[in-house]
Amino acid sequence: MTRIVLTYEDYAALPNDGKRYELHEGALSVTPAPSPQHQIVLANLFTHLNAHVRRHRLGRVLFSPLDVIFNNITVLQPDIVWLDPSRLQAISRRGIEGPPSLVIEALSPSTARIDRVDKRALYLRYGVTWLWLVDSDTRTLEVYHDDERVLVASGPEPADLPPFEQLGLVVESLWD
């Protein structure tokens, strides 16, 4: 049995039907649209992180849907990405061309395994050095540097999450 390998051109021709399509090494991955709670968590996180990045001129924060194009057969749609000033040239008309400085994924029941295993491996393979996983079930935010989990944050105390200093994010507030 021959495996069909899809390319960016195949991906770009997919319908705009509210589903989230990605290419994982040429294999099509499809997930349903995110839930309202998923979007609330991401909006709260984006608002805080974007304000910090803008205030300190640390680059740009962008949110999904947004294609991160690693190569012609690997195109992912992280929930939030941060590009430090040295990576801003990666922004193109098609999306982000190459690895962002930080990728954030909010886990949901339909995507947790894909985000934790499949996409995490792809991010590592293609040079994303920082990954945050936001887990609504445990109300935690996990910080990974390369392939090592360096921090798990939760609760009502402000946290400075790498790679940011003085971020002061109250993880508990993400679910409000």
C-alpha atoms as a PDB file:
ATOM      1  CA  MET A   1       0.000   0.000   0.000  1.00  0.00           C
ATOM      2  CA  THR A   2       1.442   3.338  -1.075  1.00  0.00           C
ATOM      3  CA  ARG A   3       1.125   6.244   1.326  1.00  0.00           C
ATOM      4  CA  ILE A   4      -0.145   9.460  -0.235  1.00  0.00           C
ATOM      5  CA  VAL A   5       1.965  12.453   0.776  1.00  0.00           C
ATOM      6  CA  LEU A   6       0.115  15.743   0.617  1.00  0.00           C
ATOM      7  CA  THR A   7       1.919  19.037  -0.021  1.00  0.00           C
ATOM      8  CA  TYR A   8       1.315  22.641   0.899  1.00  0.00           C
ATOM      9  CA  GLU A   9      -0.447  23.116  -2.439  1.00  0.00           C
ATOM     10  CA  ASP A  10      -2.911  20.311  -1.560  1.00  0.00           C
ATOM     11  CA  TYR A  11      -3.362  21.816   1.892  1.00  0.00           C
ATOM     12  CA  ALA A  12      -4.038  25.309   0.507  1.00  0.00           C
ATOM     13  CA  ALA A  13      -6.807  23.871  -1.695  1.00  0.00           C
ATOM     14  CA  LEU A  14      -8.764  22.419   1.275  1.00  0.00           C
ATOM     15  CA  PRO A  15     -12.199  23.927   2.011  1.00  0.00           C
ATOM     16  CA  ASN A  16     -12.710  26.666   4.574  1.00  0.00           C
ATOM     17  CA  ASP A  17     -15.308  24.693   6.535  1.00  0.00           C
ATOM     18  CA  GLY A  18     -14.544  25.543  10.163  1.00  0.00           C
ATOM     19  CA  LYS A  19     -12.367  22.475  10.736  1.00  0.00           C
ATOM     20  CA  ARG A  20      -8.684  22.776  11.511  1.00  0.00           C
ATOM     21  CA  TYR A  21      -6.517  21.091   8.911  1.00  0.00           C
ATOM     22  CA  GLU A  22      -2.812  20.450   9.343  1.00  0.00           C
ATOM     23  CA  LEU A  23      -0.146  18.510   7.470  1.00  0.00           C
ATOM     24  CA  HIS A  24       1.959  16.218   9.651  1.00  0.00           C
ATOM     25  CA  GLU A  25       4.806  15.079   7.393  1.00  0.00           C
ATOM     26  CA  GLY A  26       2.415  14.864   4.437  1.00  0.00           C
ATOM     27  CA  ALA A  27      -0.453  13.222   6.362  1.00  0.00           C
ATOM     28  CA  LEU A  28      -3.657  15.228   6.750  1.00  0.00           C
ATOM     29  CA  SER A  29      -4.815  15.847  10.322  1.00  0.00           C
ATOM     30  CA  VAL A  30      -8.332  17.206  10.894  1.00  0.00           C
ATOM     31  CA  THR A  31      -9.763  18.425  14.197  1.00  0.00           C
ATOM     32  CA  PRO A  32     -13.087  20.092  14.975  1.00  0.00           C
ATOM     33  CA  ALA A  33     -13.374  23.789  15.661  1.00  0.00           C
ATOM     34  CA  PRO A  34     -12.364  24.674  19.235  1.00  0.00           C
ATOM     35  CA  SER A  35     -14.913  24.958  22.043  1.00  0.00           C
ATOM     36  CA  PRO A  36     -15.905  28.312  23.564  1.00  0.00           C
ATOM     37  CA  GLN A  37     -13.989  27.443  26.791  1.00  0.00           C
ATOM     38  CA  HIS A  38     -10.860  26.700  24.737  1.00  0.00           C
ATOM     39  CA  GLN A  39     -11.196  30.107  23.074  1.00  0.00           C
ATOM     40  CA  ILE A  40     -11.763  31.899  26.415  1.00  0.00           C
ATOM     41  CA  VAL A  41      -8.539  30.434  27.817  1.00  0.00           C
ATOM     42  CA  LEU A  42      -6.606  31.405  24.692  1.00  0.00           C
ATOM     43  CA  ALA A  43      -8.067  34.919  24.599  1.00  0.00           C
ATOM     44  CA  ASN A  44      -7.050  35.499  28.225  1.00  0.00           C
ATOM     45  CA  LEU A  45      -3.553  34.167  27.604  1.00  0.00           C
ATOM     46  CA  PHE A  46      -3.129  36.089  24.350  1.00  0.00           C
ATOM     47  CA  THR A  47      -4.276  39.345  25.971  1.00  0.00           C
ATOM     48  CA  HIS A  48      -1.744  39.079  28.795  1.00  0.00           C
ATOM     49  CA  LEU A  49       1.150  37.838  26.670  1.00  0.00           C
ATOM     50  CA  ASN A  50       0.553  40.301  23.836  1.00  0.00           C
ATOM     51  CA  ALA A  51       0.475  43.262  26.252  1.00  0.00           C
ATOM     52  CA  HIS A  52       3.787  42.133  27.788  1.00  0.00           C
ATOM     53  CA  VAL A  53       5.463  41.593  24.410  1.00  0.00           C
ATOM     54  CA  ARG A  54       4.277  44.943  23.060  1.00  0.00           C
ATOM     55  CA  ARG A  55       5.197  46.848  26.235  1.00  0.00           C
ATOM     56  CA  HIS A  56       8.752  45.458  26.177  1.00  0.00           C
ATOM     57  CA  ARG A  57       9.114  45.404  22.360  1.00  0.00           C
ATOM     58  CA  LEU A  58       9.853  41.704  22.323  1.00  0.00           C
ATOM     59  CA  GLY A  59       8.534  40.907  18.849  1.00  0.00           C
ATOM     60  CA  ARG A  60       5.008  39.799  17.891  1.00  0.00           C
ATOM     61  CA  VAL A  61       2.324  37.469  19.243  1.00  0.00           C
ATOM     62  CA  LEU A  62      -0.168  35.927  16.781  1.00  0.00           C
ATOM     63  CA  PHE A  63      -3.123  33.578  17.267  1.00  0.00           C
ATOM     64  CA  SER A  64      -4.869  30.886  15.258  1.00  0.00           C
ATOM     65  CA  PRO A  65      -5.947  30.209  12.697  1.00  0.00           C
ATOM     66  CA  LEU A  66      -2.465  30.763  11.330  1.00  0.00           C
ATOM     67  CA  ASP A  67      -0.327  28.435   9.257  1.00  0.00           C
ATOM     68  CA  VAL A  68       3.169  27.686  10.473  1.00  0.00           C
ATOM     69  CA  ILE A  69       4.897  26.284   7.418  1.00  0.00           C
ATOM     70  CA  PHE A  70       7.929  24.203   8.335  1.00  0.00           C
ATOM     71  CA  ASN A  71       8.342  22.709   4.861  1.00  0.00           C
ATOM     72  CA  ASN A  72       6.201  21.644   1.900  1.00  0.00           C
ATOM     73  CA  ILE A  73       4.696  18.672   3.773  1.00  0.00           C
ATOM     74  CA  THR A  74       4.496  19.952   7.372  1.00  0.00           C
ATOM     75  CA  VAL A  75       2.076  22.789   8.097  1.00  0.00           C
ATOM     76  CA  LEU A  76       0.727  23.201  11.635  1.00  0.00           C
ATOM     77  CA  GLN A  77      -1.744  25.612  13.233  1.00  0.00           C
ATOM     78  CA  PRO A  78      -0.667  26.316  16.819  1.00  0.00           C
ATOM     79  CA  ASP A  79      -3.113  28.189  19.021  1.00  0.00           C
ATOM     80  CA  ILE A  80      -0.688  31.063  19.711  1.00  0.00           C
ATOM     81  CA  VAL A  81       2.824  31.821  18.462  1.00  0.00           C
ATOM     82  CA  TRP A  82       5.440  34.330  19.537  1.00  0.00           C
ATOM     83  CA  LEU A  83       8.194  35.529  17.262  1.00  0.00           C
ATOM     84  CA  ASP A  84      11.095  37.310  18.912  1.00  0.00           C
ATOM     85  CA  PRO A  85      12.541  40.284  16.975  1.00  0.00           C
ATOM     86  CA  SER A  86      15.093  38.074  15.187  1.00  0.00           C
ATOM     87  CA  ARG A  87      12.255  35.899  13.768  1.00  0.00           C
ATOM     88  CA  LEU A  88       9.888  38.632  12.503  1.00  0.00           C
ATOM     89  CA  GLN A  89      11.076  38.114   8.922  1.00  0.00           C
ATOM     90  CA  ALA A  90       9.408  34.667   9.078  1.00  0.00           C
ATOM     91  CA  ILE A  91       6.005  36.375   8.677  1.00  0.00           C
ATOM     92  CA  SER A  92       4.864  36.030   5.062  1.00  0.00           C
ATOM     93  CA  ARG A  93       1.639  36.269   3.088  1.00  0.00           C
ATOM     94  CA  ARG A  94       1.127  32.499   3.567  1.00  0.00           C
ATOM     95  CA  GLY A  95       1.759  32.420   7.328  1.00  0.00           C
ATOM     96  CA  ILE A  96       4.858  31.879   9.418  1.00  0.00           C
ATOM     97  CA  GLU A  97       7.662  30.347   7.336  1.00  0.00           C
ATOM     98  CA  GLY A  98       9.808  28.357   9.747  1.00  0.00           C
ATOM     99  CA  PRO A  99       9.862  27.922  13.500  1.00  0.00           C
ATOM    100  CA  PRO A 100       8.358  30.530  15.821  1.00  0.00           C
ATOM    101  CA  SER A 101      10.269  31.332  19.013  1.00  0.00           C
ATOM    102  CA  LEU A 102       7.395  29.975  21.141  1.00  0.00           C
ATOM    103  CA  VAL A 103       4.368  27.830  20.338  1.00  0.00           C
ATOM    104  CA  ILE A 104       1.368  27.590  22.662  1.00  0.00           C
ATOM    105  CA  GLU A 105      -1.197  24.796  22.478  1.00  0.00           C
ATOM    106  CA  ALA A 106      -4.332  24.677  24.637  1.00  0.00           C
ATOM    107  CA  LEU A 107      -5.189  21.035  25.149  1.00  0.00           C
ATOM    108  CA  SER A 108      -8.716  19.830  24.528  1.00  0.00           C
ATOM    109  CA  PRO A 109     -10.155  16.304  24.691  1.00  0.00           C
ATOM    110  CA  SER A 110     -10.012  15.904  20.902  1.00  0.00           C
ATOM    111  CA  THR A 111      -6.446  17.242  20.525  1.00  0.00           C
ATOM    112  CA  ALA A 112      -4.548  16.469  23.761  1.00  0.00           C
ATOM    113  CA  ARG A 113      -2.742  13.392  22.453  1.00  0.00           C
ATOM    114  CA  ILE A 114      -1.958  15.032  19.120  1.00  0.00           C
ATOM    115  CA  ASP A 115      -0.642  18.189  20.851  1.00  0.00           C
ATOM    116  CA  ARG A 116       1.351  16.340  23.541  1.00  0.00           C
ATOM    117  CA  VAL A 117       2.889  13.687  21.308  1.00  0.00           C
ATOM    118  CA  ASP A 118       2.638  14.242  17.560  1.00  0.00           C
ATOM    119  CA  LYS A 119       2.834  18.025  17.319  1.00  0.00           C
ATOM    120  CA  ARG A 120       5.343  18.329  20.167  1.00  0.00           C
ATOM    121  CA  ALA A 121       7.692  15.975  18.267  1.00  0.00           C
ATOM    122  CA  LEU A 122       7.216  17.981  15.067  1.00  0.00           C
ATOM    123  CA  TYR A 123       7.878  21.289  16.841  1.00  0.00           C
ATOM    124  CA  LEU A 124      11.079  19.855  18.275  1.00  0.00           C
ATOM    125  CA  ARG A 125      12.156  18.395  14.914  1.00  0.00           C
ATOM    126  CA  TYR A 126      11.672  21.727  13.146  1.00  0.00           C
ATOM    127  CA  GLY A 127      13.449  23.951  15.658  1.00  0.00           C
ATOM    128  CA  VAL A 128      10.799  25.400  17.991  1.00  0.00           C
ATOM    129  CA  THR A 129      12.731  25.873  21.234  1.00  0.00           C
ATOM    130  CA  TRP A 130       9.852  26.889  23.551  1.00  0.00           C
ATOM    131  CA  LEU A 131       6.473  25.160  23.892  1.00  0.00           C
ATOM    132  CA  TRP A 132       3.699  25.899  26.370  1.00  0.00           C
ATOM    133  CA  LEU A 133       0.887  23.391  26.902  1.00  0.00           C
ATOM    134  CA  VAL A 134      -2.197  24.770  28.633  1.00  0.00           C
ATOM    135  CA  ASP A 135      -4.215  22.024  30.304  1.00  0.00           C
ATOM    136  CA  SER A 136      -7.763  23.006  31.294  1.00  0.00           C
ATOM    137  CA  ASP A 137      -8.377  19.669  33.040  1.00  0.00           C
ATOM    138  CA  THR A 138      -5.535  20.207  35.531  1.00  0.00           C
ATOM    139  CA  ARG A 139      -5.573  24.025  35.249  1.00  0.00           C
ATOM    140  CA  THR A 140      -1.846  24.083  34.632  1.00  0.00           C
ATOM    141  CA  LEU A 141       0.531  25.570  32.118  1.00  0.00           C
ATOM    142  CA  GLU A 142       3.545  23.407  31.250  1.00  0.00           C
ATOM    143  CA  VAL A 143       6.690  25.039  29.860  1.00  0.00           C
ATOM    144  CA  TYR A 144       9.057  23.009  27.657  1.00  0.00           C
ATOM    145  CA  HIS A 145      12.469  24.107  26.446  1.00  0.00           C
ATOM    146  CA  ASP A 146      13.591  21.912  23.587  1.00  0.00           C
ATOM    147  CA  ASP A 147      12.423  18.486  24.809  1.00  0.00           C
ATOM    148  CA  GLU A 148      12.647  19.136  28.553  1.00  0.00           C
ATOM    149  CA  ARG A 149       9.753  20.202  30.760  1.00  0.00           C
ATOM    150  CA  VAL A 150      11.231  23.048  32.813  1.00  0.00           C
ATOM    151  CA  LEU A 151       8.188  24.358  34.684  1.00  0.00           C
ATOM    152  CA  VAL A 152       4.574  23.606  35.564  1.00  0.00           C
ATOM    153  CA  ALA A 153       2.673  26.694  36.687  1.00  0.00           C
ATOM    154  CA  SER A 154      -0.738  26.914  38.319  1.00  0.00           C
ATOM    155  CA  GLY A 155      -2.670  28.794  40.967  1.00  0.00           C
ATOM    156  CA  PRO A 156      -3.222  32.393  41.986  1.00  0.00           C
ATOM    157  CA  GLU A 157       0.384  33.578  42.255  1.00  0.00           C
ATOM    158  CA  PRO A 158       1.926  35.558  39.359  1.00  0.00           C
ATOM    159  CA  ALA A 159       4.388  33.427  37.393  1.00  0.00           C
ATOM    160  CA  ASP A 160       7.286  34.441  35.188  1.00  0.00           C
ATOM    161  CA  LEU A 161       7.160  31.829  32.459  1.00  0.00           C
ATOM    162  CA  PRO A 162      10.265  31.243  30.361  1.00  0.00           C
ATOM    163  CA  PRO A 163      11.397  32.656  28.058  1.00  0.00           C
ATOM    164  CA  PHE A 164       9.828  35.841  29.474  1.00  0.00           C
ATOM    165  CA  GLU A 165      11.045  37.762  32.499  1.00  0.00           C
ATOM    166  CA  GLN A 166       8.569  39.777  34.562  1.00  0.00           C
ATOM    167  CA  LEU A 167       5.572  38.254  32.775  1.00  0.00           C
ATOM    168  CA  GLY A 168       3.580  37.937  35.989  1.00  0.00           C
ATOM    169  CA  LEU A 169       0.898  35.674  34.524  1.00  0.00           C
ATOM    170  CA  VAL A 170      -1.656  34.412  37.019  1.00  0.00           C
ATOM    171  CA  VAL A 171      -2.373  30.993  35.524  1.00  0.00           C
ATOM    172  CA  GLU A 172      -5.599  30.610  37.511  1.00  0.00           C
ATOM    173  CA  SER A 173      -6.984  33.695  35.712  1.00  0.00           C
ATOM    174  CA  LEU A 174      -6.894  31.947  32.339  1.00  0.00           C
ATOM    175  CA  TRP A 175     -10.142  30.133  33.121  1.00  0.00           C
ATOM    176  CA  ASP A 176     -12.123  33.257  34.169  1.00  0.00           C
END
